[in-house]
Protein backbone atom coordinates (compact mmCIF):
# COMPACT_ATOMS: atom_id res chain seq x y z
CA UNK A 1 2.42 12.51 -3.53
CA UNK A 2 0.44 9.56 -2.15
CA UNK A 3 -0.77 10.32 1.38
CA UNK A 4 -1.12 7.43 3.82
CA UNK A 5 -2.67 7.44 7.28
CA UNK A 6 -1.37 4.85 9.75
CA UNK A 7 -3.34 4.16 12.95
CA UNK A 8 -0.86 2.17 15.04
CA UNK A 9 -0.08 2.28 18.77
CA UNK A 10 3.49 0.97 18.31
CA UNK A 11 5.30 4.30 17.91
CA UNK A 12 8.63 2.65 17.08
CA UNK A 13 7.12 0.72 14.17
CA UNK A 14 5.24 3.82 13.03
CA UNK A 15 8.46 5.82 12.93
CA UNK A 16 10.23 3.10 10.95
CA UNK A 17 7.42 2.89 8.43
CA UNK A 18 7.33 6.67 8.09
CA UNK A 19 11.00 6.72 7.07
CA UNK A 20 10.52 3.76 4.72
CA UNK A 21 7.58 5.34 2.88
CA UNK A 22 9.26 8.73 2.66
CA UNK A 23 12.11 6.99 0.84
CA UNK A 24 9.49 5.38 -1.42
CA UNK A 25 8.06 8.80 -2.32
CA UNK A 26 4.96 8.59 -0.11
CA UNK A 27 3.85 10.72 2.81
CA UNK A 28 2.81 8.79 5.91
CA UNK A 29 1.02 10.38 8.86
CA UNK A 30 0.77 8.31 12.04
CA UNK A 31 -1.83 8.41 14.80
CA UNK A 32 -1.53 6.21 17.87
CA UNK A 33 -5.14 6.00 19.09
CA UNK A 34 -8.46 5.24 17.45
CA UNK A 35 -9.81 8.67 18.37
CA UNK A 36 -6.87 10.57 16.88
CA UNK A 37 -7.02 8.41 13.75
CA UNK A 38 -10.72 9.03 13.17
CA UNK A 39 -10.22 12.76 13.81
CA UNK A 40 -7.45 12.82 11.20
CA UNK A 41 -9.70 11.10 8.64
CA UNK A 42 -12.43 13.65 9.26
CA UNK A 43 -10.10 16.65 8.99
CA UNK A 44 -7.74 15.73 6.15
CA UNK A 45 -7.61 13.87 2.85
CA UNK A 46 -5.71 10.59 2.54
CA UNK A 47 -5.32 8.08 -0.28
CA UNK A 48 -5.21 4.96 1.90
CA UNK A 49 -5.62 3.91 5.53
CA UNK A 50 -3.32 1.44 7.30
CA UNK A 51 -5.22 0.22 10.34
CA UNK A 52 -3.85 -1.80 13.25
CA UNK A 53 -6.32 -4.27 14.69
CA UNK A 54 -5.45 -3.81 18.37
CA UNK A 55 -5.41 -0.26 19.73
CA UNK A 56 -5.47 1.05 23.32
CA UNK A 57 -8.85 2.75 22.95
CA UNK A 58 -10.59 0.70 20.31
CA UNK A 59 -10.83 -2.40 18.16
CA UNK A 60 -9.69 -2.20 14.55
CA UNK A 61 -12.83 -3.96 13.37
CA UNK A 62 -15.05 -1.36 15.05
CA UNK A 63 -12.93 1.46 13.62
CA UNK A 64 -13.22 0.00 10.12
CA UNK A 65 -17.01 -0.17 10.50
CA UNK A 66 -17.09 3.49 11.56
CA UNK A 67 -14.85 4.53 8.66
CA UNK A 68 -17.16 2.80 6.20
CA UNK A 69 -20.09 4.93 7.40
CA UNK A 70 -18.51 8.10 6.01
CA UNK A 71 -15.65 7.15 3.67
CA UNK A 72 -14.75 4.72 0.89
CA UNK A 73 -11.00 5.18 1.47
CA UNK A 74 -9.06 1.96 0.77
CA UNK A 75 -8.22 0.17 4.03
CA UNK A 76 -5.43 -2.33 4.71
CA UNK A 77 -5.61 -3.94 8.13
CA UNK A 78 -2.36 -4.70 9.96
CA UNK A 79 -2.46 -7.16 12.83
CA UNK A 80 -0.52 -9.66 14.88
CA UNK A 81 -3.51 -11.96 14.53
CA UNK A 82 -3.02 -14.12 11.48
CA UNK A 83 -6.04 -16.38 11.89
CA UNK A 84 -8.17 -16.83 8.78
CA UNK A 85 -11.34 -15.95 10.70
CA UNK A 86 -9.92 -12.52 11.60
CA UNK A 87 -8.98 -11.90 7.99
CA UNK A 88 -12.44 -12.89 6.79
CA UNK A 89 -14.13 -10.62 9.34
CA UNK A 90 -11.89 -7.73 8.26
CA UNK A 91 -12.80 -8.21 4.61
CA UNK A 92 -16.50 -8.61 5.36
CA UNK A 93 -16.71 -5.30 7.22
CA UNK A 94 -15.05 -3.33 4.45
CA UNK A 95 -11.27 -3.75 4.50
CA UNK A 96 -9.63 -4.03 1.07
CA UNK A 97 -6.67 -6.14 2.18
CA UNK A 98 -5.20 -7.72 5.30
CA UNK A 99 -1.54 -8.20 6.27
CA UNK A 100 -0.40 -10.14 9.34
CA UNK A 101 2.54 -9.02 11.48
CA UNK A 102 5.43 -9.33 11.30
CA UNK A 103 5.70 -8.23 7.69
CA UNK A 104 8.34 -6.79 5.39
CA UNK A 105 7.77 -3.10 4.54
CA UNK A 106 8.39 -3.94 0.87
CA UNK A 107 5.47 -6.38 0.93
CA UNK A 108 3.25 -3.73 2.50
CA UNK A 109 4.34 -1.27 -0.19
CA UNK A 110 3.43 -3.80 -2.89
CA UNK A 111 0.01 -4.32 -1.31
CA UNK A 112 -0.59 -0.57 -1.14
CA UNK A 113 0.33 -0.10 -4.79
CA UNK A 114 -1.95 -2.97 -5.81
CA UNK A 115 -4.93 -1.56 -3.87
CA UNK A 116 -4.36 1.92 -5.31
CA UNK A 117 -4.09 0.53 -8.85
CA UNK A 118 -7.45 -1.14 -8.41
CA UNK A 119 -8.94 2.22 -7.48
CA UNK A 120 -7.89 3.99 -10.66
CA UNK A 121 -10.47 4.73 -13.32
CA UNK A 122 -10.29 2.84 -16.58
CA UNK A 123 -10.64 5.40 -19.38
CA UNK A 124 -11.54 2.70 -21.88
CA UNK A 125 -14.61 1.61 -19.96
CA UNK A 126 -16.01 4.66 -18.21
CA UNK A 127 -19.60 4.50 -19.50
CA UNK A 128 -22.33 3.13 -17.27
CA UNK A 129 -23.68 -0.29 -18.21
CA UNK A 130 -27.01 -1.83 -17.26
CA UNK A 131 -27.79 -5.45 -16.52
CA UNK A 132 -31.50 -5.46 -15.89
CA UNK A 133 -32.08 -3.58 -12.62
CA UNK A 134 -28.34 -3.40 -11.91
CA UNK A 135 -26.31 -0.41 -13.09
CA UNK A 136 -22.50 -0.33 -12.96
CA UNK A 137 -20.83 3.07 -13.36
CA UNK A 138 -17.01 2.90 -13.66
CA UNK A 139 -16.76 6.69 -13.97
CA UNK A 140 -18.44 7.21 -10.60
CA UNK A 141 -17.10 3.91 -9.22
CA UNK A 142 -20.63 3.13 -8.07
CA UNK A 143 -23.14 0.35 -8.57
CA UNK A 144 -26.90 0.81 -8.23
CA UNK A 145 -29.76 -1.63 -7.88
CA UNK A 146 -33.17 -0.20 -8.74
CA UNK A 147 -31.53 3.23 -8.59
CA UNK A 148 -30.22 2.79 -5.03
CA UNK A 149 -26.45 3.07 -4.51
CA UNK A 150 -24.90 -0.13 -3.18
CA UNK A 151 -22.54 -0.05 -0.21
CA UNK A 152 -19.50 -1.69 -1.83
CA UNK A 153 -15.86 -1.19 -0.94
CA UNK A 154 -13.48 -0.13 -3.70
CA UNK A 155 -12.17 -3.67 -4.02
CA UNK A 156 -15.67 -5.15 -4.17
CA UNK A 157 -16.69 -2.68 -6.87
CA UNK A 158 -13.61 -3.67 -8.91
CA UNK A 159 -14.50 -7.35 -8.60
CA UNK A 160 -18.06 -6.67 -9.76
CA UNK A 161 -16.80 -4.49 -12.61
CA UNK A 162 -14.25 -7.09 -13.72
CA UNK A 163 -16.87 -9.85 -13.74
CA UNK A 164 -19.36 -7.68 -15.63
CA UNK A 165 -16.77 -6.86 -18.31
CA UNK A 166 -16.53 -10.61 -18.96
CA UNK A 167 -20.28 -11.21 -18.71
CA UNK A 168 -21.29 -14.66 -19.90
CA UNK A 169 -17.75 -16.02 -19.58
CA UNK A 170 -16.38 -18.04 -16.69
CA UNK A 171 -13.52 -16.40 -14.81
CA UNK A 172 -11.28 -18.45 -12.57
CA UNK A 173 -10.27 -17.00 -9.21
CA UNK A 174 -6.70 -16.65 -10.51
CA UNK A 175 -7.84 -14.82 -13.64
CA UNK A 176 -9.99 -12.52 -11.55
CA UNK A 177 -7.08 -11.66 -9.24
CA UNK A 178 -4.85 -11.05 -12.25
CA UNK A 179 -7.40 -8.72 -13.84
CA UNK A 180 -7.43 -6.68 -10.63
CA UNK A 181 -3.65 -6.27 -10.67
CA UNK A 182 -3.56 -7.73 -7.17
CA UNK A 183 -0.94 -9.72 -5.37
CA UNK A 184 -0.46 -13.33 -6.38
CA UNK A 185 -3.20 -15.66 -5.23
CA UNK A 186 -2.01 -17.64 -2.24
CA UNK A 187 -2.92 -21.27 -1.79
CA UNK A 188 -6.18 -21.53 0.17
CA UNK A 189 -6.65 -17.74 0.01
CA UNK A 190 -10.41 -17.30 0.24
CA UNK A 191 -10.50 -13.49 0.12
CA UNK A 192 -12.14 -13.43 -3.32
CA UNK A 193 -14.88 -15.74 -2.07
CA UNK A 194 -15.53 -13.48 0.92
CA UNK A 195 -15.84 -10.43 -1.32
CA UNK A 196 -18.13 -12.29 -3.74
CA UNK A 197 -20.37 -13.25 -0.81
CA UNK A 198 -20.52 -9.61 0.28
CA UNK A 199 -21.37 -8.46 -3.25
CA UNK A 200 -24.10 -11.08 -3.60
CA UNK A 201 -25.67 -9.90 -0.36
CA UNK A 202 -26.30 -6.56 -2.06
CA UNK A 203 -27.09 -7.42 -5.67
CA UNK A 204 -28.97 -10.70 -5.41
CA UNK A 205 -32.64 -11.05 -4.50
CA UNK A 206 -31.69 -14.31 -2.78
CA UNK A 207 -27.91 -14.53 -2.11
CA UNK A 208 -28.24 -18.26 -1.37
CA UNK A 209 -29.59 -18.79 -4.89
CA UNK A 210 -27.66 -16.22 -6.93
CA UNK A 211 -28.77 -15.34 -10.44
CA UNK A 212 -26.31 -12.53 -11.19
CA UNK A 213 -22.99 -13.98 -10.03
CA UNK A 214 -22.95 -17.75 -10.17
CA UNK A 215 -20.32 -20.17 -8.93
CA UNK A 216 -18.98 -22.74 -11.37
CA UNK A 217 -17.76 -25.40 -8.97
CA UNK A 218 -14.07 -26.12 -9.25
CA UNK A 219 -13.54 -23.38 -11.86
CA UNK A 220 -14.61 -19.90 -10.78
CA UNK A 221 -17.46 -17.45 -11.33
CA UNK A 222 -19.65 -16.26 -14.17
CA UNK A 223 -21.57 -12.99 -14.33
CA UNK A 224 -24.97 -13.43 -15.99
CA UNK A 225 -25.16 -11.56 -19.28
CA UNK A 226 -28.94 -11.24 -19.20
CA UNK A 227 -30.52 -10.30 -15.89
CA UNK A 228 -33.98 -9.40 -14.69
């Protein structure tokens, strides 16, 4: 059974979501403070974290940063703040998805399933591949540059892996989202661009002049087939 951890100070909403996910065949554990949520993550195993942005004893952004220091668990941020800047910050610090309140539980369920699908191993492409100094290992779900493990979220690794599997070919943002089995691309949704920027910061010698993942203006991205 899929185990979810919800860190949410609204106990009424937490109780409603717990019932909803039980009916969907998932187990949801709720914690109502940042401290209790972090303690739960340290003491138990969960498949995905649902993280409220505003908590009585902490900020969701700070909690996400702390989580990323010791876990690569998929994170979906839940918040009453729907501004694009908040969403971009959430993605940049390691969240895999972002859903503004109020939301329908069925939409949240769809987002959870999409994030978990992206985290599954692909048995047809489990061997490590090398592109110059960059190594991509689907089996380990890790990428290395010069032998050093890169600090990528699960979603960012999947983007890098998807681009590398189509090395030398241009992928549109829509095609990239479709290959990740994600939710439909919304108009003006820049989440892919934010993740690409984060990936470039780790794999490029000069992120402002990328040589591994290049932007084809008005079309999408291309992953260089031959790299130094």
